[in-house]
Amino acid sequence: MIKEMLVQISDCKLFAKLVGENNGKPTIVMDAGYGDYSKAWDSVISEISLLTDVLIYDRAGLGKSESSSNPRTSSEMIKELNELLNASKIKPPYILVGHSFGGVNTRLYATEYHNEVCGLILVDSTPEDYRERFLPTMPKEFQQAYNKQFVHEGNYDEFMESLKQLKEAKRKLNVPLIVLSAGKKAHYSKESQELWNEMQREILEISSIGEFIIAENSTHYIQNDEPEIVIKAVKRLIDNF
């Protein structure tokens, strides 16, 4: 089954696609990285949809979704996702999968709506102390390129506000968590790569049931470089449900 929808939420319509065979298992809800939209999951969705229903969607202002007048921060985005799930009658529990900035959103969602979430997979997600702790270790050109990228969805300040929201909301989650870390990041020195993996490993502290996996041959898009790692992580959480 493939169902494409344009769903009216408070002040805009969001594009969503539901794929899969509903078999009584939790629905997988996938959130893409900054400036990315549902297409970011093309490499894994057909396999994952054989396991259960999968919802992918475009955040406001991206892909086929309309723009929203709300600030482009994580706390607004998770409200919009919650409205989308309610309006399209997709019942919890959900297993959330977040890539990069989508990991910030899914972590915040799992904290805010903890009764709805039964598992969390973070795919090379942005740690909340990225700017203070990681960015200064990178070359100046990398830092400049990083700061200039915030033009697709939300500006630099809104992105940093999202990381602050994540920091402030941080509390222990009682759901299984799998953290996937890209082991072969582009333009990273050996030291930067080690620090990145260490910061990813530390994210495990947010859950009482966590597992850490380094995708040794992956750059930032683990789902494209080693899709089977993402698929296996989803399968493990579904099998344990």
C-alpha atoms as a PDB file:
ATOM      1  CA  MET A   1       0.000   0.000   0.000  1.00  0.00           C
ATOM      2  CA  ILE A   2       1.234   3.499  -0.885  1.00  0.00           C
ATOM      3  CA  LYS A   3      -0.831   6.477   0.174  1.00  0.00           C
ATOM      4  CA  GLU A   4       0.251  10.025  -0.646  1.00  0.00           C
ATOM      5  CA  MET A   5      -1.444  12.844   1.259  1.00  0.00           C
ATOM      6  CA  LEU A   6      -1.445  16.617   1.541  1.00  0.00           C
ATOM      7  CA  VAL A   7      -2.563  17.080   5.132  1.00  0.00           C
ATOM      8  CA  GLN A   8      -3.967  20.320   6.519  1.00  0.00           C
ATOM      9  CA  ILE A   9      -2.424  21.267   9.860  1.00  0.00           C
ATOM     10  CA  SER A  10      -2.817  24.578  11.732  1.00  0.00           C
ATOM     11  CA  ASP A  11      -1.486  26.991   9.128  1.00  0.00           C
ATOM     12  CA  CYS A  12      -0.291  24.987   6.126  1.00  0.00           C
ATOM     13  CA  LYS A  13      -0.531  21.673   4.293  1.00  0.00           C
ATOM     14  CA  LEU A  14       2.181  19.062   4.750  1.00  0.00           C
ATOM     15  CA  PHE A  15       3.004  16.348   2.216  1.00  0.00           C
ATOM     16  CA  ALA A  16       3.232  12.839   3.655  1.00  0.00           C
ATOM     17  CA  LYS A  17       3.513   9.353   2.254  1.00  0.00           C
ATOM     18  CA  LEU A  18       2.463   6.190   4.061  1.00  0.00           C
ATOM     19  CA  VAL A  19       3.971   2.977   2.695  1.00  0.00           C
ATOM     20  CA  GLY A  20       3.628  -0.590   3.933  1.00  0.00           C
ATOM     21  CA  GLU A  21       1.394  -3.393   5.098  1.00  0.00           C
ATOM     22  CA  ASN A  22      -0.226  -2.650   8.420  1.00  0.00           C
ATOM     23  CA  ASN A  23       0.487  -5.728  10.505  1.00  0.00           C
ATOM     24  CA  GLY A  24      -0.192  -4.502  14.015  1.00  0.00           C
ATOM     25  CA  LYS A  25       3.419  -3.404  14.524  1.00  0.00           C
ATOM     26  CA  PRO A  26       4.384   0.193  15.411  1.00  0.00           C
ATOM     27  CA  THR A  27       4.495   2.678  12.538  1.00  0.00           C
ATOM     28  CA  ILE A  28       7.957   3.942  11.598  1.00  0.00           C
ATOM     29  CA  VAL A  29       8.072   7.761  11.330  1.00  0.00           C
ATOM     30  CA  MET A  30      11.151   9.124   9.554  1.00  0.00           C
ATOM     31  CA  ASP A  31      12.477  12.679   9.806  1.00  0.00           C
ATOM     32  CA  ALA A  32      15.128  13.907   7.353  1.00  0.00           C
ATOM     33  CA  GLY A  33      18.084  16.228   7.940  1.00  0.00           C
ATOM     34  CA  TYR A  34      18.247  20.021   7.681  1.00  0.00           C
ATOM     35  CA  GLY A  35      16.921  21.232   4.311  1.00  0.00           C
ATOM     36  CA  ASP A  36      16.202  17.616   3.326  1.00  0.00           C
ATOM     37  CA  TYR A  37      12.789  16.097   2.732  1.00  0.00           C
ATOM     38  CA  SER A  38      11.128  12.698   2.339  1.00  0.00           C
ATOM     39  CA  LYS A  39      13.293  11.703  -0.643  1.00  0.00           C
ATOM     40  CA  ALA A  40      16.245  11.360   1.774  1.00  0.00           C
ATOM     41  CA  TRP A  41      14.813   7.943   2.730  1.00  0.00           C
ATOM     42  CA  ASP A  42      14.417   6.526  -0.817  1.00  0.00           C
ATOM     43  CA  SER A  43      17.290   4.072  -0.296  1.00  0.00           C
ATOM     44  CA  VAL A  44      15.632   2.272   2.623  1.00  0.00           C
ATOM     45  CA  ILE A  45      11.882   2.804   2.492  1.00  0.00           C
ATOM     46  CA  SER A  46      10.935  -0.141   0.248  1.00  0.00           C
ATOM     47  CA  GLU A  47      12.774  -2.627   2.511  1.00  0.00           C
ATOM     48  CA  ILE A  48      11.474  -1.103   5.750  1.00  0.00           C
ATOM     49  CA  SER A  49       7.909  -1.015   4.424  1.00  0.00           C
ATOM     50  CA  LEU A  50       8.001  -4.820   4.162  1.00  0.00           C
ATOM     51  CA  LEU A  51       8.314  -4.904   7.973  1.00  0.00           C
ATOM     52  CA  THR A  52       5.551  -2.445   8.895  1.00  0.00           C
ATOM     53  CA  ASP A  53       3.945   0.878   7.918  1.00  0.00           C
ATOM     54  CA  VAL A  54       6.365   3.729   7.295  1.00  0.00           C
ATOM     55  CA  LEU A  55       5.493   7.422   7.237  1.00  0.00           C
ATOM     56  CA  ILE A  56       7.834   9.856   5.516  1.00  0.00           C
ATOM     57  CA  TYR A  57       6.964  13.509   5.149  1.00  0.00           C
ATOM     58  CA  ASP A  58       8.245  16.919   4.051  1.00  0.00           C
ATOM     59  CA  ARG A  59       8.603  19.503   6.798  1.00  0.00           C
ATOM     60  CA  ALA A  60       6.931  22.850   6.114  1.00  0.00           C
ATOM     61  CA  GLY A  61       8.561  24.791   3.281  1.00  0.00           C
ATOM     62  CA  LEU A  62      10.375  21.742   1.864  1.00  0.00           C
ATOM     63  CA  GLY A  63       9.576  19.260  -0.916  1.00  0.00           C
ATOM     64  CA  LYS A  64       5.851  19.283  -1.655  1.00  0.00           C
ATOM     65  CA  SER A  65       4.804  20.887   1.660  1.00  0.00           C
ATOM     66  CA  GLU A  66       3.579  24.448   2.001  1.00  0.00           C
ATOM     67  CA  SER A  67       5.461  27.001   4.083  1.00  0.00           C
ATOM     68  CA  SER A  68       4.465  27.705   7.662  1.00  0.00           C
ATOM     69  CA  SER A  69       4.444  31.077   9.395  1.00  0.00           C
ATOM     70  CA  ASN A  70       5.695  29.441  12.622  1.00  0.00           C
ATOM     71  CA  PRO A  71       9.376  29.715  13.566  1.00  0.00           C
ATOM     72  CA  ARG A  72      11.539  26.966  12.052  1.00  0.00           C
ATOM     73  CA  THR A  73      12.680  25.499  15.334  1.00  0.00           C
ATOM     74  CA  SER A  74      12.417  21.916  16.543  1.00  0.00           C
ATOM     75  CA  SER A  75       9.695  22.642  19.099  1.00  0.00           C
ATOM     76  CA  GLU A  76       7.434  24.034  16.319  1.00  0.00           C
ATOM     77  CA  MET A  77       8.343  21.224  13.928  1.00  0.00           C
ATOM     78  CA  ILE A  78       7.420  18.482  16.384  1.00  0.00           C
ATOM     79  CA  LYS A  79       4.065  20.176  17.070  1.00  0.00           C
ATOM     80  CA  GLU A  80       3.458  20.158  13.315  1.00  0.00           C
ATOM     81  CA  LEU A  81       4.468  16.496  13.062  1.00  0.00           C
ATOM     82  CA  ASN A  82       2.134  15.649  15.931  1.00  0.00           C
ATOM     83  CA  GLU A  83      -0.721  17.480  14.169  1.00  0.00           C
ATOM     84  CA  LEU A  84       0.110  15.639  10.942  1.00  0.00           C
ATOM     85  CA  LEU A  85      -0.009  12.229  12.651  1.00  0.00           C
ATOM     86  CA  ASN A  86      -3.300  13.055  14.381  1.00  0.00           C
ATOM     87  CA  ALA A  87      -4.922  14.526  11.263  1.00  0.00           C
ATOM     88  CA  SER A  88      -3.944  11.525   9.142  1.00  0.00           C
ATOM     89  CA  LYS A  89      -5.198   9.148  11.876  1.00  0.00           C
ATOM     90  CA  ILE A  90      -1.889   7.307  12.220  1.00  0.00           C
ATOM     91  CA  LYS A  91      -2.103   5.833  15.690  1.00  0.00           C
ATOM     92  CA  PRO A  92       0.827   5.469  18.093  1.00  0.00           C
ATOM     93  CA  PRO A  93       3.056   3.840  19.164  1.00  0.00           C
ATOM     94  CA  TYR A  94       5.726   5.081  16.750  1.00  0.00           C
ATOM     95  CA  ILE A  95       9.342   4.152  16.194  1.00  0.00           C
ATOM     96  CA  LEU A  96      11.054   7.393  15.227  1.00  0.00           C
ATOM     97  CA  VAL A  97      14.036   7.486  12.864  1.00  0.00           C
ATOM     98  CA  GLY A  98      15.874  10.812  12.595  1.00  0.00           C
ATOM     99  CA  HIS A  99      18.818  11.687  10.347  1.00  0.00           C
ATOM    100  CA  SER A 100      21.137  14.595  11.210  1.00  0.00           C
ATOM    101  CA  PHE A 101      18.912  17.544  12.275  1.00  0.00           C
ATOM    102  CA  GLY A 102      15.950  15.133  12.062  1.00  0.00           C
ATOM    103  CA  GLY A 103      17.569  13.430  15.055  1.00  0.00           C
ATOM    104  CA  VAL A 104      17.182  16.641  17.067  1.00  0.00           C
ATOM    105  CA  ASN A 105      13.479  16.682  16.180  1.00  0.00           C
ATOM    106  CA  THR A 106      12.885  13.007  16.942  1.00  0.00           C
ATOM    107  CA  ARG A 107      14.685  13.224  20.297  1.00  0.00           C
ATOM    108  CA  LEU A 108      12.556  16.226  21.246  1.00  0.00           C
ATOM    109  CA  TYR A 109       9.408  14.441  20.025  1.00  0.00           C
ATOM    110  CA  ALA A 110      10.247  11.371  22.127  1.00  0.00           C
ATOM    111  CA  THR A 111      10.673  13.623  25.175  1.00  0.00           C
ATOM    112  CA  GLU A 112       7.571  15.753  24.588  1.00  0.00           C
ATOM    113  CA  TYR A 113       5.209  12.947  23.512  1.00  0.00           C
ATOM    114  CA  HIS A 114       6.831  10.092  25.419  1.00  0.00           C
ATOM    115  CA  ASN A 115       3.603   8.069  25.641  1.00  0.00           C
ATOM    116  CA  GLU A 116       3.485   7.808  21.834  1.00  0.00           C
ATOM    117  CA  VAL A 117       7.016   6.582  21.170  1.00  0.00           C
ATOM    118  CA  CYS A 118       8.276   3.020  21.627  1.00  0.00           C
ATOM    119  CA  GLY A 119      11.688   3.270  19.957  1.00  0.00           C
ATOM    120  CA  LEU A 120      14.199   5.746  18.583  1.00  0.00           C
ATOM    121  CA  ILE A 121      16.906   5.407  15.915  1.00  0.00           C
ATOM    122  CA  LEU A 122      19.316   8.301  15.443  1.00  0.00           C
ATOM    123  CA  VAL A 123      21.198   8.270  12.147  1.00  0.00           C
ATOM    124  CA  ASP A 124      24.356  10.399  12.497  1.00  0.00           C
ATOM    125  CA  SER A 125      22.260  12.941  14.357  1.00  0.00           C
ATOM    126  CA  THR A 126      23.361  16.405  15.484  1.00  0.00           C
ATOM    127  CA  PRO A 127      24.535  16.426  19.129  1.00  0.00           C
ATOM    128  CA  GLU A 128      23.154  19.302  21.203  1.00  0.00           C
ATOM    129  CA  ASP A 129      26.650  20.647  21.998  1.00  0.00           C
ATOM    130  CA  TYR A 130      27.823  20.541  18.359  1.00  0.00           C
ATOM    131  CA  ARG A 131      28.605  24.248  18.097  1.00  0.00           C
ATOM    132  CA  GLU A 132      30.456  24.581  21.398  1.00  0.00           C
ATOM    133  CA  ARG A 133      32.341  21.326  21.385  1.00  0.00           C
ATOM    134  CA  PHE A 134      32.754  20.008  17.865  1.00  0.00           C
ATOM    135  CA  LEU A 135      32.729  22.913  15.411  1.00  0.00           C
ATOM    136  CA  PRO A 136      35.780  24.685  16.952  1.00  0.00           C
ATOM    137  CA  THR A 137      37.918  21.573  16.250  1.00  0.00           C
ATOM    138  CA  MET A 138      37.323  21.860  12.489  1.00  0.00           C
ATOM    139  CA  PRO A 139      39.282  23.992   9.957  1.00  0.00           C
ATOM    140  CA  LYS A 140      38.111  27.592   9.401  1.00  0.00           C
ATOM    141  CA  GLU A 141      36.817  26.818   5.870  1.00  0.00           C
ATOM    142  CA  PHE A 142      34.632  24.020   7.238  1.00  0.00           C
ATOM    143  CA  GLN A 143      33.251  26.315   9.946  1.00  0.00           C
ATOM    144  CA  GLN A 144      32.466  29.051   7.399  1.00  0.00           C
ATOM    145  CA  ALA A 145      30.758  26.604   5.038  1.00  0.00           C
ATOM    146  CA  TYR A 146      28.777  25.204   7.974  1.00  0.00           C
ATOM    147  CA  ASN A 147      27.558  28.640   9.063  1.00  0.00           C
ATOM    148  CA  LYS A 148      26.559  29.612   5.510  1.00  0.00           C
ATOM    149  CA  GLN A 149      24.366  26.574   4.856  1.00  0.00           C
ATOM    150  CA  PHE A 150      21.345  27.798   6.827  1.00  0.00           C
ATOM    151  CA  VAL A 151      19.258  29.163   3.968  1.00  0.00           C
ATOM    152  CA  HIS A 152      16.933  26.251   3.088  1.00  0.00           C
ATOM    153  CA  GLU A 153      14.773  25.982   6.170  1.00  0.00           C
ATOM    154  CA  GLY A 154      15.196  28.148   9.213  1.00  0.00           C
ATOM    155  CA  ASN A 155      18.229  30.362   9.686  1.00  0.00           C
ATOM    156  CA  TYR A 156      21.366  29.817  11.780  1.00  0.00           C
ATOM    157  CA  ASP A 157      19.744  31.301  14.908  1.00  0.00           C
ATOM    158  CA  GLU A 158      16.686  29.057  14.616  1.00  0.00           C
ATOM    159  CA  PHE A 159      18.897  25.993  14.197  1.00  0.00           C
ATOM    160  CA  MET A 160      20.894  26.922  17.309  1.00  0.00           C
ATOM    161  CA  GLU A 161      17.634  27.594  19.162  1.00  0.00           C
ATOM    162  CA  SER A 162      16.591  24.024  18.302  1.00  0.00           C
ATOM    163  CA  LEU A 163      19.798  22.652  19.842  1.00  0.00           C
ATOM    164  CA  LYS A 164      19.110  24.785  22.926  1.00  0.00           C
ATOM    165  CA  GLN A 165      15.542  23.410  23.137  1.00  0.00           C
ATOM    166  CA  LEU A 166      16.974  19.894  22.999  1.00  0.00           C
ATOM    167  CA  LYS A 167      19.441  20.684  25.787  1.00  0.00           C
ATOM    168  CA  GLU A 168      16.742  22.166  28.005  1.00  0.00           C
ATOM    169  CA  ALA A 169      14.296  19.297  27.434  1.00  0.00           C
ATOM    170  CA  LYS A 170      16.895  16.598  28.038  1.00  0.00           C
ATOM    171  CA  ARG A 171      15.729  13.819  30.306  1.00  0.00           C
ATOM    172  CA  LYS A 172      16.025  10.054  30.497  1.00  0.00           C
ATOM    173  CA  LEU A 173      13.855   8.205  27.970  1.00  0.00           C
ATOM    174  CA  ASN A 174      12.486   4.800  28.766  1.00  0.00           C
ATOM    175  CA  VAL A 175      12.532   3.525  25.172  1.00  0.00           C
ATOM    176  CA  PRO A 176      15.024   1.427  23.209  1.00  0.00           C
ATOM    177  CA  LEU A 177      17.507   3.685  21.433  1.00  0.00           C
ATOM    178  CA  ILE A 178      19.930   2.825  18.621  1.00  0.00           C
ATOM    179  CA  VAL A 179      22.579   5.425  17.745  1.00  0.00           C
ATOM    180  CA  LEU A 180      24.243   5.044  14.351  1.00  0.00           C
ATOM    181  CA  SER A 181      27.460   7.020  13.841  1.00  0.00           C
ATOM    182  CA  ALA A 182      29.082   7.599  10.430  1.00  0.00           C
ATOM    183  CA  GLY A 183      32.631   6.256  10.641  1.00  0.00           C
ATOM    184  CA  LYS A 184      34.030   7.827   7.491  1.00  0.00           C
ATOM    185  CA  LYS A 185      32.947  11.475   7.541  1.00  0.00           C
ATOM    186  CA  ALA A 186      34.094  13.641   4.640  1.00  0.00           C
ATOM    187  CA  HIS A 187      36.824  16.221   5.469  1.00  0.00           C
ATOM    188  CA  TYR A 188      37.278  14.941   9.037  1.00  0.00           C
ATOM    189  CA  SER A 189      40.746  14.441  10.498  1.00  0.00           C
ATOM    190  CA  LYS A 190      41.391  11.301  12.542  1.00  0.00           C
ATOM    191  CA  GLU A 191      40.914  13.367  15.750  1.00  0.00           C
ATOM    192  CA  SER A 192      37.654  14.925  14.527  1.00  0.00           C
ATOM    193  CA  GLN A 193      36.305  11.522  13.527  1.00  0.00           C
ATOM    194  CA  GLU A 194      37.152  10.111  16.965  1.00  0.00           C
ATOM    195  CA  LEU A 195      35.513  13.083  18.707  1.00  0.00           C
ATOM    196  CA  TRP A 196      32.419  12.698  16.492  1.00  0.00           C
ATOM    197  CA  ASN A 197      32.069   9.005  17.375  1.00  0.00           C
ATOM    198  CA  GLU A 198      32.589   9.804  21.056  1.00  0.00           C
ATOM    199  CA  MET A 199      29.871  12.498  21.004  1.00  0.00           C
ATOM    200  CA  GLN A 200      27.525  10.100  19.206  1.00  0.00           C
ATOM    201  CA  ARG A 201      28.215   7.422  21.815  1.00  0.00           C
ATOM    202  CA  GLU A 202      27.385   9.902  24.599  1.00  0.00           C
ATOM    203  CA  ILE A 203      23.868  10.313  23.175  1.00  0.00           C
ATOM    204  CA  LEU A 204      23.195   6.803  24.520  1.00  0.00           C
ATOM    205  CA  GLU A 205      22.997   8.352  27.996  1.00  0.00           C
ATOM    206  CA  ILE A 206      19.490   9.656  27.226  1.00  0.00           C
ATOM    207  CA  SER A 207      18.030   6.140  27.320  1.00  0.00           C
ATOM    208  CA  SER A 208      18.142   3.294  29.775  1.00  0.00           C
ATOM    209  CA  ILE A 209      18.191   0.826  26.838  1.00  0.00           C
ATOM    210  CA  GLY A 210      20.757   1.906  24.269  1.00  0.00           C
ATOM    211  CA  GLU A 211      22.931   0.454  21.537  1.00  0.00           C
ATOM    212  CA  PHE A 212      25.737   2.191  19.628  1.00  0.00           C
ATOM    213  CA  ILE A 213      26.845   1.208  16.115  1.00  0.00           C
ATOM    214  CA  ILE A 214      29.586   2.785  13.994  1.00  0.00           C
ATOM    215  CA  ALA A 215      28.845   2.538  10.261  1.00  0.00           C
ATOM    216  CA  GLU A 216      32.519   2.157   9.325  1.00  0.00           C
ATOM    217  CA  ASN A 217      32.136   2.824   5.600  1.00  0.00           C
ATOM    218  CA  SER A 218      29.583   5.609   5.737  1.00  0.00           C
ATOM    219  CA  THR A 219      29.788   9.338   5.271  1.00  0.00           C
ATOM    220  CA  HIS A 220      26.990  11.455   6.770  1.00  0.00           C
ATOM    221  CA  TYR A 221      24.204   9.724   4.783  1.00  0.00           C
ATOM    222  CA  ILE A 222      24.432   6.261   6.328  1.00  0.00           C
ATOM    223  CA  GLN A 223      21.076   5.370   4.734  1.00  0.00           C
ATOM    224  CA  ASN A 224      22.681   5.768   1.272  1.00  0.00           C
ATOM    225  CA  ASP A 225      26.170   4.394   1.977  1.00  0.00           C
ATOM    226  CA  GLU A 226      25.182   1.396   4.120  1.00  0.00           C
ATOM    227  CA  PRO A 227      21.381   1.155   3.938  1.00  0.00           C
ATOM    228  CA  GLU A 228      21.390  -2.324   5.477  1.00  0.00           C
ATOM    229  CA  ILE A 229      22.620  -0.879   8.798  1.00  0.00           C
ATOM    230  CA  VAL A 230      19.570   1.389   9.053  1.00  0.00           C
ATOM    231  CA  ILE A 231      17.206  -1.401   7.920  1.00  0.00           C
ATOM    232  CA  LYS A 232      18.643  -3.861  10.467  1.00  0.00           C
ATOM    233  CA  ALA A 233      18.302  -1.298  13.276  1.00  0.00           C
ATOM    234  CA  VAL A 234      14.610  -0.821  12.436  1.00  0.00           C
ATOM    235  CA  LYS A 235      14.079  -4.568  12.217  1.00  0.00           C
ATOM    236  CA  ARG A 236      15.677  -5.066  15.634  1.00  0.00           C
ATOM    237  CA  LEU A 237      13.358  -2.574  17.312  1.00  0.00           C
ATOM    238  CA  ILE A 238      10.286  -4.028  15.585  1.00  0.00           C
ATOM    239  CA  ASP A 239      11.257  -7.599  16.528  1.00  0.00           C
ATOM    240  CA  ASN A 240      11.741  -6.561  20.165  1.00  0.00           C
ATOM    241  CA  PHE A 241       8.406  -4.772  20.368  1.00  0.00           C
END
